[in-house]
Protein backbone atom coordinates (compact mmCIF):
# COMPACT_ATOMS: atom_id res chain seq x y z
CA UNK A 1 141.80 -72.98 31.78
CA UNK A 2 140.68 -74.80 28.63
CA UNK A 3 142.52 -74.12 25.38
CA UNK A 4 141.39 -74.57 21.76
CA UNK A 5 143.91 -76.95 20.15
CA UNK A 6 142.38 -77.82 16.75
CA UNK A 7 139.82 -76.53 14.28
CA UNK A 8 137.53 -79.27 12.95
CA UNK A 9 136.62 -79.04 9.26
CA UNK A 10 135.07 -81.16 6.53
CA UNK A 11 135.98 -81.05 2.84
CA UNK A 12 132.80 -80.14 0.96
CA UNK A 13 134.10 -79.70 -2.61
CA UNK A 14 137.00 -78.87 -4.84
CA UNK A 15 137.89 -76.49 -7.66
CA UNK A 16 140.82 -75.52 -9.87
CA UNK A 17 142.48 -72.16 -9.34
CA UNK A 18 143.76 -69.89 -12.12
CA UNK A 19 147.02 -71.86 -12.26
CA UNK A 20 145.09 -75.12 -12.78
CA UNK A 21 145.90 -76.45 -9.30
CA UNK A 22 143.25 -78.46 -7.46
CA UNK A 23 142.07 -76.69 -4.29
CA UNK A 24 139.48 -77.71 -1.72
CA UNK A 25 136.54 -75.99 -0.01
CA UNK A 26 136.11 -76.64 3.70
CA UNK A 27 133.23 -76.25 6.15
CA UNK A 28 134.24 -75.34 9.70
CA UNK A 29 132.41 -77.76 12.02
CA UNK A 30 133.82 -76.85 15.44
CA UNK A 31 136.89 -77.15 17.66
CA UNK A 32 138.84 -79.59 19.82
CA UNK A 33 139.50 -78.20 23.30
CA UNK A 34 142.20 -79.38 25.71
CA UNK A 35 140.94 -79.27 29.28
CA UNK A 36 143.07 -78.52 32.36
CA UNK A 37 143.43 -82.26 33.08
CA UNK A 38 144.81 -82.91 29.55
CA UNK A 39 141.65 -84.53 28.18
CA UNK A 40 140.44 -83.47 24.74
CA UNK A 41 136.82 -82.56 24.02
CA UNK A 42 135.12 -82.08 20.65
CA UNK A 43 132.63 -79.21 20.32
CA UNK A 44 130.57 -79.28 17.13
CA UNK A 45 128.81 -76.15 15.88
CA UNK A 46 127.47 -77.99 12.81
CA UNK A 47 126.87 -81.64 11.95
CA UNK A 48 129.09 -83.26 9.30
CA UNK A 49 127.46 -84.77 6.23
CA UNK A 50 128.22 -88.31 5.00
CA UNK A 51 129.86 -88.82 1.61
CA UNK A 52 128.42 -90.95 -1.20
CA UNK A 53 129.59 -94.12 0.65
CA UNK A 54 127.86 -93.08 3.88
CA UNK A 55 131.18 -92.27 5.58
CA UNK A 56 131.85 -89.15 7.63
CA UNK A 57 135.41 -87.79 7.49
CA UNK A 58 136.61 -84.68 9.30
CA UNK A 59 140.01 -82.96 9.38
CA UNK A 60 141.80 -81.51 12.40
CA UNK A 61 143.95 -78.44 11.83
CA UNK A 62 146.16 -77.06 14.62
CA UNK A 63 145.15 -73.59 15.78
CA UNK A 64 147.90 -71.26 14.59
CA UNK A 65 147.14 -68.41 16.95
CA UNK A 66 145.44 -67.96 20.30
CA UNK A 67 142.32 -65.83 20.57
């Protein structure tokens, strides 16, 4: 059975909280799934946008709980 291993997100902005700390806004783009044979697959639900340099960066965050 396949298992979701990572959430895929892109930073889309930042802000300062009430304490003056810089925080970031993220857009959830999809998931990385580990298949039964150990291979990883990327499933995108949305397309990432390039930054001002034309680069596309995404972040992988481990799934903290199983659904």
